[in-house]
Amino acid sequence: MTQDVIDSAAGIHPGSPVAALRAERPLFVQHSQGSYDVLIRPADAGGVSQTMRAAVALRVAVLNAYAPLIAQYTHRLHEIGVEPSVIVAVEAGRTPDLPRLNAVLHHVDRVTKAPDTAEKQHLDALLTTGLSPRDIVAISQIIAFVSYQVRVAAGLRLMAHRA
C-alpha cells in the first residue's frame, strides 16, 4: 500500500502496527485518499481553482491547529506556485488584496468555528463574489473533508504513539 495523505499527516510508516491496522480496511484508505484526490487535486477544478481548494484546506488545518496538514497544504500551495505572502495571508485568514478568496476564507472560519451562525445571507454573499451554488458546495465539502482528515490523522497518530 502506498502512503496516502492521512498516513503522512498521522506519521504512519509502512510496516508499522497502525499501517497494518489500516491495511485491514483498504476501502476506508482508498476512499479517503480518493476524496482527497477529487476535492483537493481534481483533474477538472471547475469553478473552484486548485489554489482556492488548497487555500481552503490550509485554512481549515490552521483553524484546527494540526501542524502536519498545515505543512501538507502549505506545500500544495507552493507546488501550485502561490506567492508566499498569499500563503501567509491565507494562514491568517485575511487576504485583503483578493476579495473573493477573502470572502471564502471568512466562510471557512464561520463554518469551521461556529457553523450554527451560518445563515442564507452568508451564502448569498458568496454568490455575489461569482461563486456558483455548485462552487459553494465544493468549498463546503473541502471544509468537511479536511476536518475529517484532522480527526482521523490525530486519532491514528495517538494510536501509533501508544503502539
N, C-alpha and C. Protein backbone atom coordinates (compact mmCIF):
# COMPACT_ATOMS: atom_id res chain seq x y z
N MET A 1 0.86 -1.18 0.00
CA MET A 1 0.00 0.00 0.00
C MET A 1 0.90 1.23 0.00
N THR A 2 0.65 2.17 -0.92
CA THR A 2 1.41 3.41 -0.93
C THR A 2 0.89 4.33 0.15
N GLN A 3 1.78 5.17 0.64
CA GLN A 3 1.38 6.07 1.73
C GLN A 3 0.44 7.14 1.19
N ASP A 4 -0.68 7.34 1.87
CA ASP A 4 -1.63 8.36 1.46
C ASP A 4 -1.47 9.59 2.35
N VAL A 5 -2.27 10.61 2.08
CA VAL A 5 -2.16 11.87 2.80
C VAL A 5 -2.45 11.69 4.29
N ILE A 6 -3.43 10.90 4.64
CA ILE A 6 -3.74 10.70 6.05
C ILE A 6 -2.60 9.96 6.75
N ASP A 7 -2.03 8.95 6.11
CA ASP A 7 -0.88 8.27 6.70
C ASP A 7 0.25 9.26 6.95
N SER A 8 0.51 10.09 5.97
CA SER A 8 1.57 11.09 6.11
C SER A 8 1.27 12.05 7.26
N ALA A 9 0.05 12.55 7.31
CA ALA A 9 -0.34 13.50 8.37
C ALA A 9 -0.33 12.86 9.75
N ALA A 10 -0.54 11.56 9.80
CA ALA A 10 -0.56 10.85 11.07
C ALA A 10 0.84 10.34 11.47
N GLY A 11 1.79 10.46 10.54
CA GLY A 11 3.13 9.98 10.83
C GLY A 11 3.23 8.46 10.83
N ILE A 12 2.38 7.82 10.03
CA ILE A 12 2.36 6.36 9.96
C ILE A 12 3.38 5.89 8.93
N HIS A 13 4.21 4.95 9.32
CA HIS A 13 5.23 4.43 8.43
C HIS A 13 4.84 3.04 7.95
N PRO A 14 5.13 2.73 6.67
CA PRO A 14 4.83 1.39 6.18
C PRO A 14 5.46 0.33 7.08
N GLY A 15 4.70 -0.71 7.34
CA GLY A 15 5.18 -1.79 8.18
C GLY A 15 4.92 -1.60 9.66
N SER A 16 4.45 -0.43 10.06
CA SER A 16 4.15 -0.20 11.48
C SER A 16 2.84 -0.89 11.85
N PRO A 17 2.62 -1.09 13.15
CA PRO A 17 1.36 -1.73 13.58
C PRO A 17 0.11 -0.96 13.12
N VAL A 18 0.17 0.37 13.13
CA VAL A 18 -1.01 1.14 12.70
C VAL A 18 -1.18 1.04 11.18
N ALA A 19 -0.09 0.98 10.44
CA ALA A 19 -0.19 0.76 8.99
C ALA A 19 -0.84 -0.59 8.70
N ALA A 20 -0.46 -1.60 9.48
CA ALA A 20 -1.06 -2.93 9.32
C ALA A 20 -2.56 -2.89 9.64
N LEU A 21 -2.91 -2.14 10.66
CA LEU A 21 -4.32 -1.99 11.03
C LEU A 21 -5.09 -1.30 9.90
N ARG A 22 -4.52 -0.25 9.34
CA ARG A 22 -5.18 0.44 8.22
C ARG A 22 -5.30 -0.46 7.00
N ALA A 23 -4.32 -1.31 6.80
CA ALA A 23 -4.35 -2.23 5.66
C ALA A 23 -5.52 -3.21 5.75
N GLU A 24 -6.01 -3.42 6.96
CA GLU A 24 -7.18 -4.29 7.13
C GLU A 24 -8.46 -3.65 6.62
N ARG A 25 -8.44 -2.35 6.40
CA ARG A 25 -9.61 -1.61 5.90
C ARG A 25 -9.24 -0.89 4.61
N PRO A 26 -8.91 -1.62 3.56
CA PRO A 26 -8.41 -0.98 2.34
C PRO A 26 -9.42 -0.02 1.69
N LEU A 27 -10.70 -0.31 1.80
CA LEU A 27 -11.69 0.59 1.20
C LEU A 27 -11.74 1.92 1.94
N PHE A 28 -11.57 1.90 3.25
CA PHE A 28 -11.52 3.13 4.04
C PHE A 28 -10.35 3.99 3.56
N VAL A 29 -9.20 3.37 3.42
CA VAL A 29 -8.00 4.09 2.96
C VAL A 29 -8.21 4.59 1.54
N GLN A 30 -8.69 3.71 0.68
CA GLN A 30 -8.90 4.05 -0.74
C GLN A 30 -9.86 5.21 -0.90
N HIS A 31 -10.98 5.17 -0.19
CA HIS A 31 -11.98 6.21 -0.35
C HIS A 31 -11.56 7.52 0.30
N SER A 32 -10.81 7.45 1.39
CA SER A 32 -10.30 8.68 1.99
C SER A 32 -9.31 9.36 1.05
N GLN A 33 -8.40 8.59 0.48
CA GLN A 33 -7.44 9.16 -0.47
C GLN A 33 -8.17 9.61 -1.74
N GLY A 34 -9.15 8.85 -2.16
CA GLY A 34 -9.93 9.24 -3.34
C GLY A 34 -10.65 10.56 -3.13
N SER A 35 -11.16 10.76 -1.92
CA SER A 35 -11.82 12.04 -1.61
C SER A 35 -10.82 13.18 -1.69
N TYR A 36 -9.62 12.96 -1.18
CA TYR A 36 -8.55 13.97 -1.30
C TYR A 36 -8.28 14.29 -2.77
N ASP A 37 -8.14 13.25 -3.57
CA ASP A 37 -7.83 13.45 -4.99
C ASP A 37 -8.92 14.24 -5.70
N VAL A 38 -10.16 13.94 -5.40
CA VAL A 38 -11.29 14.60 -6.07
C VAL A 38 -11.52 16.01 -5.54
N LEU A 39 -11.37 16.21 -4.23
CA LEU A 39 -11.66 17.52 -3.65
C LEU A 39 -10.48 18.48 -3.70
N ILE A 40 -9.28 18.01 -3.50
CA ILE A 40 -8.12 18.88 -3.40
C ILE A 40 -7.33 18.95 -4.70
N ARG A 41 -7.23 17.86 -5.42
CA ARG A 41 -6.42 17.80 -6.64
C ARG A 41 -7.21 17.25 -7.83
N PRO A 42 -8.39 17.78 -8.09
CA PRO A 42 -9.18 17.22 -9.19
C PRO A 42 -8.56 17.52 -10.55
N ALA A 43 -8.80 16.64 -11.50
CA ALA A 43 -8.34 16.88 -12.87
C ALA A 43 -9.01 18.13 -13.44
N ASP A 44 -10.29 18.31 -13.13
CA ASP A 44 -11.03 19.49 -13.56
C ASP A 44 -11.54 20.19 -12.31
N ALA A 45 -10.91 21.31 -11.98
CA ALA A 45 -11.25 22.03 -10.75
C ALA A 45 -12.58 22.78 -10.86
N GLY A 46 -13.13 22.90 -12.04
CA GLY A 46 -14.40 23.63 -12.20
C GLY A 46 -14.25 25.07 -11.77
N GLY A 47 -15.25 25.59 -11.08
CA GLY A 47 -15.24 26.99 -10.66
C GLY A 47 -14.44 27.27 -9.40
N VAL A 48 -13.88 26.23 -8.79
CA VAL A 48 -13.07 26.40 -7.58
C VAL A 48 -11.65 25.97 -7.96
N SER A 49 -10.80 26.94 -8.18
CA SER A 49 -9.45 26.67 -8.67
C SER A 49 -8.65 25.78 -7.73
N GLN A 50 -7.58 25.22 -8.25
CA GLN A 50 -6.67 24.42 -7.43
C GLN A 50 -6.14 25.26 -6.27
N THR A 51 -5.85 26.52 -6.54
CA THR A 51 -5.35 27.42 -5.50
C THR A 51 -6.40 27.63 -4.42
N MET A 52 -7.63 27.90 -4.82
CA MET A 52 -8.70 28.11 -3.85
C MET A 52 -8.92 26.85 -3.01
N ARG A 53 -8.89 25.70 -3.65
CA ARG A 53 -9.08 24.44 -2.93
C ARG A 53 -8.00 24.24 -1.87
N ALA A 54 -6.76 24.46 -2.26
CA ALA A 54 -5.65 24.29 -1.31
C ALA A 54 -5.69 25.35 -0.22
N ALA A 55 -6.11 26.57 -0.57
CA ALA A 55 -6.21 27.64 0.43
C ALA A 55 -7.29 27.32 1.46
N VAL A 56 -8.42 26.82 1.02
CA VAL A 56 -9.49 26.42 1.94
C VAL A 56 -8.97 25.32 2.86
N ALA A 57 -8.31 24.33 2.28
CA ALA A 57 -7.78 23.22 3.07
C ALA A 57 -6.76 23.72 4.09
N LEU A 58 -5.87 24.61 3.67
CA LEU A 58 -4.88 25.15 4.60
C LEU A 58 -5.56 25.89 5.75
N ARG A 59 -6.54 26.71 5.44
CA ARG A 59 -7.20 27.48 6.50
C ARG A 59 -7.89 26.56 7.50
N VAL A 60 -8.53 25.50 7.03
CA VAL A 60 -9.17 24.54 7.95
C VAL A 60 -8.11 23.88 8.83
N ALA A 61 -6.99 23.50 8.24
CA ALA A 61 -5.91 22.89 9.02
C ALA A 61 -5.38 23.86 10.06
N VAL A 62 -5.25 25.15 9.70
CA VAL A 62 -4.79 26.16 10.65
C VAL A 62 -5.80 26.33 11.78
N LEU A 63 -7.08 26.42 11.45
CA LEU A 63 -8.11 26.59 12.48
C LEU A 63 -8.15 25.40 13.44
N ASN A 64 -7.77 24.24 12.94
CA ASN A 64 -7.72 23.05 13.79
C ASN A 64 -6.35 22.85 14.43
N ALA A 65 -5.42 23.75 14.12
CA ALA A 65 -4.06 23.73 14.68
C ALA A 65 -3.39 22.37 14.51
N TYR A 66 -3.54 21.80 13.31
CA TYR A 66 -2.94 20.49 13.05
C TYR A 66 -1.75 20.66 12.11
N ALA A 67 -0.57 20.73 12.71
CA ALA A 67 0.67 21.06 12.01
C ALA A 67 0.98 20.18 10.79
N PRO A 68 0.80 18.85 10.85
CA PRO A 68 1.12 18.05 9.67
C PRO A 68 0.28 18.43 8.44
N LEU A 69 -0.99 18.74 8.64
CA LEU A 69 -1.82 19.14 7.49
C LEU A 69 -1.55 20.59 7.09
N ILE A 70 -1.18 21.42 8.04
CA ILE A 70 -0.76 22.78 7.69
C ILE A 70 0.44 22.68 6.74
N ALA A 71 1.38 21.84 7.09
CA ALA A 71 2.57 21.65 6.24
C ALA A 71 2.18 21.07 4.88
N GLN A 72 1.28 20.10 4.87
CA GLN A 72 0.83 19.47 3.63
C GLN A 72 0.20 20.50 2.68
N TYR A 73 -0.70 21.30 3.22
CA TYR A 73 -1.41 22.23 2.35
C TYR A 73 -0.57 23.47 2.02
N THR A 74 0.35 23.84 2.89
CA THR A 74 1.30 24.90 2.55
C THR A 74 2.16 24.43 1.39
N HIS A 75 2.62 23.20 1.47
CA HIS A 75 3.42 22.62 0.38
C HIS A 75 2.61 22.61 -0.92
N ARG A 76 1.35 22.24 -0.83
CA ARG A 76 0.50 22.20 -2.03
C ARG A 76 0.41 23.59 -2.66
N LEU A 77 0.23 24.62 -1.85
CA LEU A 77 0.16 25.98 -2.39
C LEU A 77 1.47 26.39 -3.04
N HIS A 78 2.59 26.04 -2.42
CA HIS A 78 3.90 26.31 -3.04
C HIS A 78 4.02 25.56 -4.36
N GLU A 79 3.59 24.31 -4.37
CA GLU A 79 3.65 23.46 -5.56
C GLU A 79 2.87 24.08 -6.72
N ILE A 80 1.74 24.69 -6.41
CA ILE A 80 0.90 25.33 -7.42
C ILE A 80 1.53 26.63 -7.91
N GLY A 81 2.40 27.21 -7.08
CA GLY A 81 3.06 28.46 -7.47
C GLY A 81 2.49 29.69 -6.80
N VAL A 82 1.80 29.52 -5.69
CA VAL A 82 1.21 30.65 -4.96
C VAL A 82 2.33 31.41 -4.24
N GLU A 83 2.25 32.73 -4.31
CA GLU A 83 3.23 33.60 -3.65
C GLU A 83 3.23 33.36 -2.14
N PRO A 84 4.41 33.33 -1.52
CA PRO A 84 4.49 33.13 -0.07
C PRO A 84 3.66 34.15 0.72
N SER A 85 3.57 35.39 0.27
CA SER A 85 2.78 36.39 1.00
C SER A 85 1.30 36.03 1.01
N VAL A 86 0.83 35.42 -0.05
CA VAL A 86 -0.57 34.99 -0.11
C VAL A 86 -0.79 33.81 0.84
N ILE A 87 0.18 32.91 0.90
CA ILE A 87 0.07 31.76 1.80
C ILE A 87 0.00 32.24 3.25
N VAL A 88 0.83 33.20 3.60
CA VAL A 88 0.81 33.76 4.96
C VAL A 88 -0.54 34.41 5.23
N ALA A 89 -1.08 35.11 4.24
CA ALA A 89 -2.39 35.75 4.39
C ALA A 89 -3.49 34.71 4.57
N VAL A 90 -3.41 33.61 3.84
CA VAL A 90 -4.40 32.53 3.98
C VAL A 90 -4.32 31.95 5.38
N GLU A 91 -3.10 31.72 5.87
CA GLU A 91 -2.95 31.19 7.22
C GLU A 91 -3.59 32.12 8.25
N ALA A 92 -3.48 33.43 8.02
CA ALA A 92 -4.05 34.41 8.93
C ALA A 92 -5.55 34.58 8.72
N GLY A 93 -6.06 34.08 7.59
CA GLY A 93 -7.50 34.16 7.32
C GLY A 93 -7.95 35.49 6.73
N ARG A 94 -7.01 36.25 6.20
CA ARG A 94 -7.38 37.55 5.64
C ARG A 94 -6.51 37.87 4.44
N THR A 95 -7.13 37.98 3.28
CA THR A 95 -6.42 38.32 2.05
C THR A 95 -7.05 39.57 1.44
N PRO A 96 -6.72 40.75 1.96
CA PRO A 96 -7.40 41.97 1.54
C PRO A 96 -7.26 42.29 0.06
N ASP A 97 -6.18 41.86 -0.57
CA ASP A 97 -5.99 42.14 -1.99
C ASP A 97 -6.70 41.15 -2.90
N LEU A 98 -7.31 40.15 -2.31
CA LEU A 98 -8.02 39.11 -3.07
C LEU A 98 -9.42 38.96 -2.47
N PRO A 99 -10.35 39.85 -2.85
CA PRO A 99 -11.67 39.87 -2.19
C PRO A 99 -12.45 38.56 -2.26
N ARG A 100 -12.38 37.86 -3.38
CA ARG A 100 -13.12 36.59 -3.49
C ARG A 100 -12.56 35.57 -2.51
N LEU A 101 -11.24 35.43 -2.50
CA LEU A 101 -10.61 34.50 -1.57
C LEU A 101 -10.88 34.93 -0.13
N ASN A 102 -10.85 36.21 0.13
CA ASN A 102 -11.13 36.72 1.47
C ASN A 102 -12.53 36.32 1.92
N ALA A 103 -13.51 36.46 1.02
CA ALA A 103 -14.89 36.07 1.35
C ALA A 103 -14.98 34.57 1.63
N VAL A 104 -14.27 33.79 0.84
CA VAL A 104 -14.28 32.33 1.04
C VAL A 104 -13.63 31.98 2.38
N LEU A 105 -12.51 32.62 2.70
CA LEU A 105 -11.85 32.33 3.98
C LEU A 105 -12.73 32.72 5.16
N HIS A 106 -13.47 33.81 5.01
CA HIS A 106 -14.40 34.20 6.07
C HIS A 106 -15.46 33.11 6.25
N HIS A 107 -15.93 32.57 5.13
CA HIS A 107 -16.90 31.46 5.17
C HIS A 107 -16.28 30.23 5.85
N VAL A 108 -15.04 29.93 5.50
CA VAL A 108 -14.34 28.79 6.11
C VAL A 108 -14.29 28.97 7.63
N ASP A 109 -13.93 30.16 8.06
CA ASP A 109 -13.85 30.43 9.50
C ASP A 109 -15.20 30.21 10.18
N ARG A 110 -16.25 30.74 9.56
CA ARG A 110 -17.59 30.62 10.15
C ARG A 110 -18.01 29.15 10.24
N VAL A 111 -17.86 28.44 9.13
CA VAL A 111 -18.34 27.05 9.10
C VAL A 111 -17.49 26.15 9.99
N THR A 112 -16.21 26.45 10.10
CA THR A 112 -15.32 25.62 10.93
C THR A 112 -15.47 25.91 12.42
N LYS A 113 -15.55 27.19 12.76
CA LYS A 113 -15.56 27.57 14.19
C LYS A 113 -16.95 27.74 14.77
N ALA A 114 -17.91 28.18 13.98
CA ALA A 114 -19.25 28.45 14.51
C ALA A 114 -20.32 28.15 13.45
N PRO A 115 -20.43 26.89 13.06
CA PRO A 115 -21.37 26.56 11.98
C PRO A 115 -22.81 26.95 12.27
N ASP A 116 -23.17 27.02 13.53
CA ASP A 116 -24.55 27.37 13.88
C ASP A 116 -24.88 28.82 13.59
N THR A 117 -23.87 29.63 13.27
CA THR A 117 -24.12 31.04 12.95
C THR A 117 -24.32 31.28 11.46
N ALA A 118 -24.11 30.26 10.64
CA ALA A 118 -24.26 30.40 9.19
C ALA A 118 -25.73 30.59 8.83
N GLU A 119 -25.96 31.56 7.97
CA GLU A 119 -27.32 31.87 7.52
C GLU A 119 -27.33 32.04 6.01
N LYS A 120 -28.52 32.05 5.43
CA LYS A 120 -28.67 32.18 3.99
C LYS A 120 -27.97 33.42 3.46
N GLN A 121 -28.00 34.51 4.18
CA GLN A 121 -27.36 35.74 3.72
C GLN A 121 -25.85 35.56 3.54
N HIS A 122 -25.25 34.68 4.33
CA HIS A 122 -23.82 34.42 4.19
C HIS A 122 -23.53 33.69 2.88
N LEU A 123 -24.40 32.76 2.53
CA LEU A 123 -24.24 32.07 1.24
C LEU A 123 -24.51 33.03 0.09
N ASP A 124 -25.49 33.89 0.26
CA ASP A 124 -25.78 34.89 -0.78
C ASP A 124 -24.58 35.80 -1.01
N ALA A 125 -23.86 36.11 0.06
CA ALA A 125 -22.67 36.95 -0.08
C ALA A 125 -21.61 36.24 -0.92
N LEU A 126 -21.50 34.93 -0.77
CA LEU A 126 -20.55 34.18 -1.59
C LEU A 126 -20.97 34.19 -3.06
N LEU A 127 -22.27 34.12 -3.30
CA LEU A 127 -22.76 34.17 -4.68
C LEU A 127 -22.39 35.49 -5.35
N THR A 128 -22.39 36.57 -4.58
CA THR A 128 -22.05 37.88 -5.16
C THR A 128 -20.58 37.97 -5.57
N THR A 129 -19.74 37.05 -5.10
CA THR A 129 -18.33 37.05 -5.49
C THR A 129 -18.11 36.31 -6.81
N GLY A 130 -19.19 35.73 -7.34
CA GLY A 130 -19.07 34.99 -8.59
C GLY A 130 -19.05 33.49 -8.42
N LEU A 131 -19.12 33.03 -7.19
CA LEU A 131 -19.20 31.60 -6.97
C LEU A 131 -20.60 31.10 -7.30
N SER A 132 -20.67 29.93 -7.86
CA SER A 132 -21.98 29.31 -8.14
C SER A 132 -22.39 28.47 -6.94
N PRO A 133 -23.66 28.07 -6.87
CA PRO A 133 -24.06 27.15 -5.80
C PRO A 133 -23.20 25.88 -5.79
N ARG A 134 -22.86 25.39 -6.96
CA ARG A 134 -22.02 24.19 -7.05
C ARG A 134 -20.63 24.46 -6.45
N ASP A 135 -20.09 25.64 -6.70
CA ASP A 135 -18.78 26.01 -6.14
C ASP A 135 -18.84 26.06 -4.61
N ILE A 136 -19.93 26.63 -4.09
CA ILE A 136 -20.09 26.74 -2.64
C ILE A 136 -20.19 25.35 -2.00
N VAL A 137 -20.87 24.45 -2.68
CA VAL A 137 -20.95 23.07 -2.19
C VAL A 137 -19.56 22.44 -2.18
N ALA A 138 -18.79 22.65 -3.25
CA ALA A 138 -17.43 22.09 -3.31
C ALA A 138 -16.57 22.63 -2.17
N ILE A 139 -16.66 23.92 -1.91
CA ILE A 139 -15.90 24.52 -0.81
C ILE A 139 -16.35 23.93 0.53
N SER A 140 -17.64 23.76 0.70
CA SER A 140 -18.15 23.16 1.94
C SER A 140 -17.69 21.72 2.10
N GLN A 141 -17.61 20.99 1.00
CA GLN A 141 -17.12 19.61 1.05
C GLN A 141 -15.65 19.58 1.46
N ILE A 142 -14.87 20.53 0.96
CA ILE A 142 -13.45 20.60 1.33
C ILE A 142 -13.32 20.89 2.82
N ILE A 143 -14.11 21.82 3.32
CA ILE A 143 -14.09 22.14 4.76
C ILE A 143 -14.38 20.88 5.57
N ALA A 144 -15.42 20.17 5.20
CA ALA A 144 -15.79 18.95 5.93
C ALA A 144 -14.71 17.88 5.80
N PHE A 145 -14.16 17.73 4.61
CA PHE A 145 -13.16 16.69 4.39
C PHE A 145 -11.88 16.95 5.19
N VAL A 146 -11.40 18.19 5.19
CA VAL A 146 -10.17 18.47 5.92
C VAL A 146 -10.41 18.34 7.43
N SER A 147 -11.59 18.71 7.89
CA SER A 147 -11.93 18.48 9.31
C SER A 147 -11.89 16.99 9.62
N TYR A 148 -12.38 16.18 8.72
CA TYR A 148 -12.33 14.72 8.85
C TYR A 148 -10.88 14.25 8.86
N GLN A 149 -10.07 14.76 7.92
CA GLN A 149 -8.66 14.37 7.87
C GLN A 149 -7.97 14.65 9.21
N VAL A 150 -8.22 15.83 9.77
CA VAL A 150 -7.60 16.20 11.04
C VAL A 150 -7.96 15.17 12.10
N ARG A 151 -9.21 14.83 12.21
CA ARG A 151 -9.64 13.92 13.27
C ARG A 151 -9.10 12.50 13.08
N VAL A 152 -9.14 12.02 11.86
CA VAL A 152 -8.63 10.67 11.61
C VAL A 152 -7.12 10.63 11.83
N ALA A 153 -6.40 11.60 11.26
CA ALA A 153 -4.94 11.62 11.40
C ALA A 153 -4.52 11.77 12.86
N ALA A 154 -5.20 12.64 13.60
CA ALA A 154 -4.86 12.82 15.01
C ALA A 154 -5.11 11.54 15.80
N GLY A 155 -6.21 10.87 15.52
CA GLY A 155 -6.51 9.60 16.20
C GLY A 155 -5.49 8.53 15.86
N LEU A 156 -5.12 8.43 14.59
CA LEU A 156 -4.12 7.45 14.19
C LEU A 156 -2.75 7.77 14.79
N ARG A 157 -2.43 9.05 14.88
CA ARG A 157 -1.15 9.46 15.48
C ARG A 157 -1.11 9.01 16.95
N LEU A 158 -2.21 9.19 17.65
CA LEU A 158 -2.28 8.74 19.05
C LEU A 158 -2.10 7.23 19.14
N MET A 159 -2.77 6.51 18.23
CA MET A 159 -2.63 5.05 18.23
C MET A 159 -1.18 4.65 17.95
N ALA A 160 -0.54 5.33 17.01
CA ALA A 160 0.84 4.99 16.65
C ALA A 160 1.79 5.22 17.82
N HIS A 161 1.54 6.27 18.58
CA HIS A 161 2.41 6.57 19.73
C HIS A 161 2.20 5.59 20.88
N ARG A 162 1.05 4.97 20.92
CA ARG A 162 0.76 4.01 22.00
C ARG A 162 1.14 2.58 21.61
N ALA A 163 1.37 2.39 20.31
CA ALA A 163 1.70 1.02 19.82
C ALA A 163 3.14 0.67 20.12
